């Protein structure tokens, strides 16, 4: 059961990106090449989503709120097994 929750947590940002890519113009004009969205889809989906939010909602202007949001997104992407819990040794 915990593996199912981890799988859903890892798949959800990617499903959202696929939906936005195919059904909206959310990623249009954000990146110059196709390489960055592909790398973001594979390695850092939450950071890629936040970057596009900043680009679309705040016209690419980075302030304190946007930087804090990006730091949180990077921490989420880099966290080793965010659903993993430490077991106590008996």
C-alpha atoms as a PDB file:
ATOM      1  CA  UNK A   1       0.000   0.000   0.000  1.00  0.00           C
ATOM      2  CA  UNK A   2       2.764   2.577   0.751  1.00  0.00           C
ATOM      3  CA  UNK A   3       4.290   1.833  -2.657  1.00  0.00           C
ATOM      4  CA  UNK A   4       0.969   2.742  -4.267  1.00  0.00           C
ATOM      5  CA  UNK A   5       0.968   6.129  -2.513  1.00  0.00           C
ATOM      6  CA  UNK A   6       4.549   6.787  -3.604  1.00  0.00           C
ATOM      7  CA  UNK A   7       3.699   5.865  -7.191  1.00  0.00           C
ATOM      8  CA  UNK A   8       0.681   8.192  -7.217  1.00  0.00           C
ATOM      9  CA  UNK A   9       2.733  11.029  -5.707  1.00  0.00           C
ATOM     10  CA  UNK A  10       5.417  10.607  -8.373  1.00  0.00           C
ATOM     11  CA  UNK A  11       2.959  10.301 -11.252  1.00  0.00           C
ATOM     12  CA  UNK A  12       0.621  13.174 -10.357  1.00  0.00           C
ATOM     13  CA  UNK A  13       2.853  16.124 -11.412  1.00  0.00           C
ATOM     14  CA  UNK A  14       3.644  14.325 -14.642  1.00  0.00           C
ATOM     15  CA  UNK A  15      -0.042  13.722 -15.371  1.00  0.00           C
ATOM     16  CA  UNK A  16      -0.752  17.390 -14.775  1.00  0.00           C
ATOM     17  CA  UNK A  17       2.069  18.383 -17.132  1.00  0.00           C
ATOM     18  CA  UNK A  18       0.793  16.007 -19.827  1.00  0.00           C
ATOM     19  CA  UNK A  19      -2.706  17.468 -19.476  1.00  0.00           C
ATOM     20  CA  UNK A  20      -1.395  21.037 -19.693  1.00  0.00           C
ATOM     21  CA  UNK A  21       0.827  20.186 -22.659  1.00  0.00           C
ATOM     22  CA  UNK A  22      -1.914  18.540 -24.731  1.00  0.00           C
ATOM     23  CA  UNK A  23      -5.002  20.568 -23.808  1.00  0.00           C
ATOM     24  CA  UNK A  24      -3.749  24.116 -23.080  1.00  0.00           C
ATOM     25  CA  UNK A  25      -1.131  26.599 -24.249  1.00  0.00           C
ATOM     26  CA  UNK A  26       0.467  26.696 -20.793  1.00  0.00           C
ATOM     27  CA  UNK A  27       3.969  25.765 -22.025  1.00  0.00           C
ATOM     28  CA  UNK A  28       3.798  27.823 -25.231  1.00  0.00           C
ATOM     29  CA  UNK A  29       6.562  30.409 -25.331  1.00  0.00           C
ATOM     30  CA  UNK A  30       8.063  29.436 -21.966  1.00  0.00           C
ATOM     31  CA  UNK A  31      11.066  27.528 -23.297  1.00  0.00           C
ATOM     32  CA  UNK A  32      13.236  28.066 -26.381  1.00  0.00           C
ATOM     33  CA  UNK A  33      13.934  24.371 -26.910  1.00  0.00           C
ATOM     34  CA  UNK A  34      12.064  21.133 -26.270  1.00  0.00           C
ATOM     35  CA  UNK A  35      14.979  19.744 -24.244  1.00  0.00           C
ATOM     36  CA  UNK A  36      14.161  21.616 -20.986  1.00  0.00           C
ATOM     37  CA  UNK A  37      10.532  20.467 -20.725  1.00  0.00           C
ATOM     38  CA  UNK A  38      11.578  16.878 -21.404  1.00  0.00           C
ATOM     39  CA  UNK A  39      14.336  16.982 -18.779  1.00  0.00           C
ATOM     40  CA  UNK A  40      11.970  18.674 -16.340  1.00  0.00           C
ATOM     41  CA  UNK A  41       9.317  16.029 -16.987  1.00  0.00           C
ATOM     42  CA  UNK A  42      11.791  13.267 -16.172  1.00  0.00           C
ATOM     43  CA  UNK A  43      13.879  14.738 -13.340  1.00  0.00           C
ATOM     44  CA  UNK A  44      12.125  17.771 -11.784  1.00  0.00           C
ATOM     45  CA  UNK A  45       8.400  17.917 -12.553  1.00  0.00           C
ATOM     46  CA  UNK A  46       7.388  20.090  -9.594  1.00  0.00           C
ATOM     47  CA  UNK A  47      10.103  22.654 -10.344  1.00  0.00           C
ATOM     48  CA  UNK A  48       9.115  22.745 -14.005  1.00  0.00           C
ATOM     49  CA  UNK A  49       5.476  23.327 -13.081  1.00  0.00           C
ATOM     50  CA  UNK A  50       6.399  26.156 -10.706  1.00  0.00           C
ATOM     51  CA  UNK A  51       8.646  27.748 -13.341  1.00  0.00           C
ATOM     52  CA  UNK A  52       5.760  27.777 -15.816  1.00  0.00           C
ATOM     53  CA  UNK A  53       3.428  29.209 -13.158  1.00  0.00           C
ATOM     54  CA  UNK A  54       5.849  32.090 -12.589  1.00  0.00           C
ATOM     55  CA  UNK A  55       6.147  32.616 -16.326  1.00  0.00           C
ATOM     56  CA  UNK A  56       2.392  32.600 -16.936  1.00  0.00           C
ATOM     57  CA  UNK A  57       0.981  34.175 -13.764  1.00  0.00           C
ATOM     58  CA  UNK A  58       3.655  36.776 -13.002  1.00  0.00           C
ATOM     59  CA  UNK A  59       5.006  37.308 -16.540  1.00  0.00           C
ATOM     60  CA  UNK A  60       8.358  35.820 -15.589  1.00  0.00           C
ATOM     61  CA  UNK A  61       9.094  38.326 -12.822  1.00  0.00           C
ATOM     62  CA  UNK A  62      10.913  36.691  -9.905  1.00  0.00           C
ATOM     63  CA  UNK A  63      10.249  38.141  -6.467  1.00  0.00           C
ATOM     64  CA  UNK A  64      10.494  36.740  -2.962  1.00  0.00           C
ATOM     65  CA  UNK A  65       7.319  34.645  -3.232  1.00  0.00           C
ATOM     66  CA  UNK A  66       8.406  33.130  -6.521  1.00  0.00           C
ATOM     67  CA  UNK A  67      11.879  32.260  -5.236  1.00  0.00           C
ATOM     68  CA  UNK A  68      10.475  30.689  -2.061  1.00  0.00           C
ATOM     69  CA  UNK A  69       8.078  28.660  -4.200  1.00  0.00           C
ATOM     70  CA  UNK A  70      10.941  27.481  -6.399  1.00  0.00           C
ATOM     71  CA  UNK A  71      13.018  26.482  -3.367  1.00  0.00           C
ATOM     72  CA  UNK A  72      10.075  24.440  -2.059  1.00  0.00           C
ATOM     73  CA  UNK A  73       9.586  22.836  -5.489  1.00  0.00           C
ATOM     74  CA  UNK A  74      13.274  21.915  -5.727  1.00  0.00           C
ATOM     75  CA  UNK A  75      13.201  20.425  -2.221  1.00  0.00           C
ATOM     76  CA  UNK A  76      10.170  18.344  -3.197  1.00  0.00           C
ATOM     77  CA  UNK A  77      11.944  17.151  -6.348  1.00  0.00           C
ATOM     78  CA  UNK A  78      15.203  16.347  -4.570  1.00  0.00           C
ATOM     79  CA  UNK A  79      13.765  14.759  -1.434  1.00  0.00           C
ATOM     80  CA  UNK A  80      14.899  11.136  -1.273  1.00  0.00           C
ATOM     81  CA  UNK A  81      11.704   9.156  -0.939  1.00  0.00           C
ATOM     82  CA  UNK A  82       9.361  11.812   0.366  1.00  0.00           C
ATOM     83  CA  UNK A  83       6.919   9.137   1.484  1.00  0.00           C
ATOM     84  CA  UNK A  84       9.564   7.069   3.220  1.00  0.00           C
ATOM     85  CA  UNK A  85       9.525   6.814   7.001  1.00  0.00           C
ATOM     86  CA  UNK A  86      12.322   5.886   9.333  1.00  0.00           C
ATOM     87  CA  UNK A  87      11.753   2.704  11.254  1.00  0.00           C
ATOM     88  CA  UNK A  88      12.601   2.429  14.872  1.00  0.00           C
ATOM     89  CA  UNK A  89      14.897  -0.389  15.790  1.00  0.00           C
ATOM     90  CA  UNK A  90      13.470  -2.497  18.589  1.00  0.00           C
END
